[in-house]
Structures are given as structure tokens and as C-alpha cells.
Amino acid sequence: MSLSSHLTELKKKHEHLSMEVEQAQRAPGADGLQVAAMKKQKLKLKEEIARLSVAEVAH
């Protein structure tokens, strides 16, 4: 898998997770721990995207 296609896939996952977080936060009785875990996963994806974006520009 090329770097650009990997980045595209990570961005899709990040966007999907963003939608899931928004839905979970709007739901009555949302599990705060689950939302926090999703936000943490979303942040990790964002950091990975940023790291790979820098690597892509360097090449």
C-alpha cells in the first residue's frame, strides 16, 4: 500500500470515528468511558496522519 493510499484510509477512519463520537455524545445515556476511548483513538489517528503527512512531504 502506498503512503498516500494509507493516508487516505486513515483519514476515512478518522472521519468515521468523528461521526460515531458525535452520535454517541448526542445519545441519551451515552457511556462516557466509551466516548472517551473513541476520542483517544481518534486522537491517535490524527497524530498518525500528521506524522505520515510530514513524511510524505519530505519525500
N, C-alpha and C. Protein backbone atom coordinates (compact mmCIF):
# COMPACT_ATOMS: atom_id res chain seq x y z
N MET A 1 0.86 -1.18 0.00
CA MET A 1 0.00 0.00 0.00
C MET A 1 0.90 1.24 0.00
N SER A 2 0.60 2.15 -0.88
CA SER A 2 1.41 3.37 -0.96
C SER A 2 1.10 4.28 0.23
N LEU A 3 1.99 5.19 0.47
CA LEU A 3 1.83 6.11 1.59
C LEU A 3 0.58 6.96 1.42
N SER A 4 0.34 7.44 0.21
CA SER A 4 -0.83 8.30 0.00
C SER A 4 -2.14 7.52 0.18
N SER A 5 -2.19 6.27 -0.25
CA SER A 5 -3.41 5.49 -0.05
C SER A 5 -3.60 5.13 1.43
N HIS A 6 -2.50 4.92 2.13
CA HIS A 6 -2.58 4.65 3.57
C HIS A 6 -3.11 5.90 4.30
N LEU A 7 -2.61 7.06 3.91
CA LEU A 7 -3.09 8.31 4.50
C LEU A 7 -4.58 8.51 4.23
N THR A 8 -5.01 8.22 3.03
CA THR A 8 -6.42 8.34 2.67
C THR A 8 -7.27 7.43 3.54
N GLU A 9 -6.82 6.21 3.74
CA GLU A 9 -7.54 5.25 4.58
C GLU A 9 -7.61 5.73 6.04
N LEU A 10 -6.52 6.25 6.55
CA LEU A 10 -6.51 6.77 7.92
C LEU A 10 -7.47 7.95 8.06
N LYS A 11 -7.51 8.82 7.06
CA LYS A 11 -8.41 9.97 7.10
C LYS A 11 -9.87 9.53 7.08
N LYS A 12 -10.18 8.48 6.31
CA LYS A 12 -11.53 7.94 6.28
C LYS A 12 -11.92 7.39 7.65
N LYS A 13 -10.99 6.65 8.27
CA LYS A 13 -11.25 6.09 9.59
C LYS A 13 -11.47 7.21 10.61
N HIS A 14 -10.66 8.27 10.51
CA HIS A 14 -10.78 9.40 11.43
C HIS A 14 -12.15 10.07 11.27
N GLU A 15 -12.58 10.27 10.04
CA GLU A 15 -13.87 10.91 9.77
C GLU A 15 -15.01 10.04 10.29
N HIS A 16 -14.92 8.74 10.05
CA HIS A 16 -15.95 7.81 10.53
C HIS A 16 -16.03 7.84 12.06
N LEU A 17 -14.89 7.85 12.69
CA LEU A 17 -14.85 7.88 14.15
C LEU A 17 -15.40 9.20 14.68
N SER A 18 -15.16 10.29 13.97
CA SER A 18 -15.72 11.59 14.36
C SER A 18 -17.24 11.54 14.38
N MET A 19 -17.80 10.92 13.35
CA MET A 19 -19.26 10.80 13.29
C MET A 19 -19.80 9.93 14.43
N GLU A 20 -19.09 8.85 14.72
CA GLU A 20 -19.50 7.97 15.82
C GLU A 20 -19.47 8.70 17.16
N VAL A 21 -18.42 9.50 17.38
CA VAL A 21 -18.30 10.26 18.62
C VAL A 21 -19.46 11.24 18.74
N GLU A 22 -19.75 11.95 17.66
CA GLU A 22 -20.86 12.92 17.68
C GLU A 22 -22.18 12.24 17.99
N GLN A 23 -22.43 11.10 17.36
CA GLN A 23 -23.67 10.37 17.61
C GLN A 23 -23.74 9.90 19.06
N ALA A 24 -22.65 9.38 19.56
CA ALA A 24 -22.63 8.87 20.93
C ALA A 24 -22.86 10.00 21.93
N GLN A 25 -22.30 11.18 21.66
CA GLN A 25 -22.46 12.30 22.58
C GLN A 25 -23.89 12.82 22.59
N ARG A 26 -24.60 12.68 21.47
CA ARG A 26 -25.98 13.15 21.39
C ARG A 26 -26.96 12.15 21.97
N ALA A 27 -26.57 10.91 22.07
CA ALA A 27 -27.46 9.86 22.56
C ALA A 27 -27.69 10.01 24.06
N PRO A 28 -28.95 9.89 24.47
CA PRO A 28 -29.22 9.95 25.92
C PRO A 28 -28.58 8.73 26.61
N GLY A 29 -28.00 8.97 27.74
CA GLY A 29 -27.36 7.90 28.49
C GLY A 29 -26.09 7.39 27.84
N ALA A 30 -25.40 8.25 27.13
CA ALA A 30 -24.15 7.84 26.46
C ALA A 30 -23.12 7.42 27.51
N ASP A 31 -22.38 6.39 27.18
CA ASP A 31 -21.33 5.88 28.05
C ASP A 31 -20.10 6.78 27.93
N GLY A 32 -19.84 7.54 28.98
CA GLY A 32 -18.73 8.49 28.97
C GLY A 32 -17.38 7.83 28.74
N LEU A 33 -17.20 6.64 29.28
CA LEU A 33 -15.92 5.94 29.09
C LEU A 33 -15.74 5.49 27.65
N GLN A 34 -16.83 5.06 27.02
CA GLN A 34 -16.75 4.65 25.62
C GLN A 34 -16.45 5.85 24.73
N VAL A 35 -17.11 6.97 25.01
CA VAL A 35 -16.86 8.19 24.24
C VAL A 35 -15.41 8.63 24.41
N ALA A 36 -14.91 8.57 25.63
CA ALA A 36 -13.52 8.96 25.89
C ALA A 36 -12.56 8.04 25.14
N ALA A 37 -12.86 6.75 25.10
CA ALA A 37 -12.00 5.80 24.38
C ALA A 37 -12.00 6.10 22.89
N MET A 38 -13.17 6.42 22.34
CA MET A 38 -13.25 6.76 20.92
C MET A 38 -12.48 8.04 20.63
N LYS A 39 -12.57 9.02 21.52
CA LYS A 39 -11.84 10.27 21.32
C LYS A 39 -10.33 10.03 21.36
N LYS A 40 -9.90 9.14 22.25
CA LYS A 40 -8.48 8.82 22.34
C LYS A 40 -8.00 8.13 21.07
N GLN A 41 -8.81 7.22 20.54
CA GLN A 41 -8.48 6.53 19.30
C GLN A 41 -8.44 7.53 18.14
N LYS A 42 -9.38 8.47 18.15
CA LYS A 42 -9.43 9.50 17.11
C LYS A 42 -8.17 10.36 17.15
N LEU A 43 -7.73 10.71 18.35
CA LEU A 43 -6.51 11.50 18.50
C LEU A 43 -5.29 10.74 17.99
N LYS A 44 -5.22 9.45 18.28
CA LYS A 44 -4.10 8.64 17.80
C LYS A 44 -4.07 8.61 16.27
N LEU A 45 -5.25 8.50 15.67
CA LEU A 45 -5.32 8.52 14.20
C LEU A 45 -4.85 9.87 13.67
N LYS A 46 -5.29 10.95 14.32
CA LYS A 46 -4.90 12.28 13.88
C LYS A 46 -3.38 12.46 13.97
N GLU A 47 -2.78 11.98 15.04
CA GLU A 47 -1.33 12.08 15.21
C GLU A 47 -0.60 11.27 14.14
N GLU A 48 -1.12 10.08 13.83
CA GLU A 48 -0.51 9.23 12.81
C GLU A 48 -0.63 9.90 11.43
N ILE A 49 -1.77 10.50 11.16
CA ILE A 49 -1.97 11.21 9.89
C ILE A 49 -0.96 12.36 9.78
N ALA A 50 -0.81 13.11 10.85
CA ALA A 50 0.13 14.23 10.84
C ALA A 50 1.56 13.74 10.64
N ARG A 51 1.93 12.68 11.31
CA ARG A 51 3.28 12.12 11.19
C ARG A 51 3.55 11.65 9.78
N LEU A 52 2.60 10.94 9.19
CA LEU A 52 2.78 10.43 7.84
C LEU A 52 2.73 11.54 6.79
N SER A 53 1.94 12.57 7.06
CA SER A 53 1.86 13.71 6.13
C SER A 53 3.21 14.40 6.04
N VAL A 54 3.89 14.53 7.16
CA VAL A 54 5.21 15.15 7.17
C VAL A 54 6.19 14.26 6.40
N ALA A 55 6.08 12.95 6.59
CA ALA A 55 6.96 12.01 5.88
C ALA A 55 6.71 12.07 4.38
N GLU A 56 5.45 12.23 3.99
CA GLU A 56 5.10 12.29 2.57
C GLU A 56 5.67 13.56 1.92
N VAL A 57 5.60 14.67 2.63
CA VAL A 57 6.12 15.93 2.12
C VAL A 57 7.65 15.87 2.01
N ALA A 58 8.29 15.18 2.95
CA ALA A 58 9.75 15.08 2.94
C ALA A 58 10.27 14.30 1.75
N HIS A 59 9.44 13.42 1.20
CA HIS A 59 9.88 12.62 0.04
C HIS A 59 9.61 13.39 -1.16
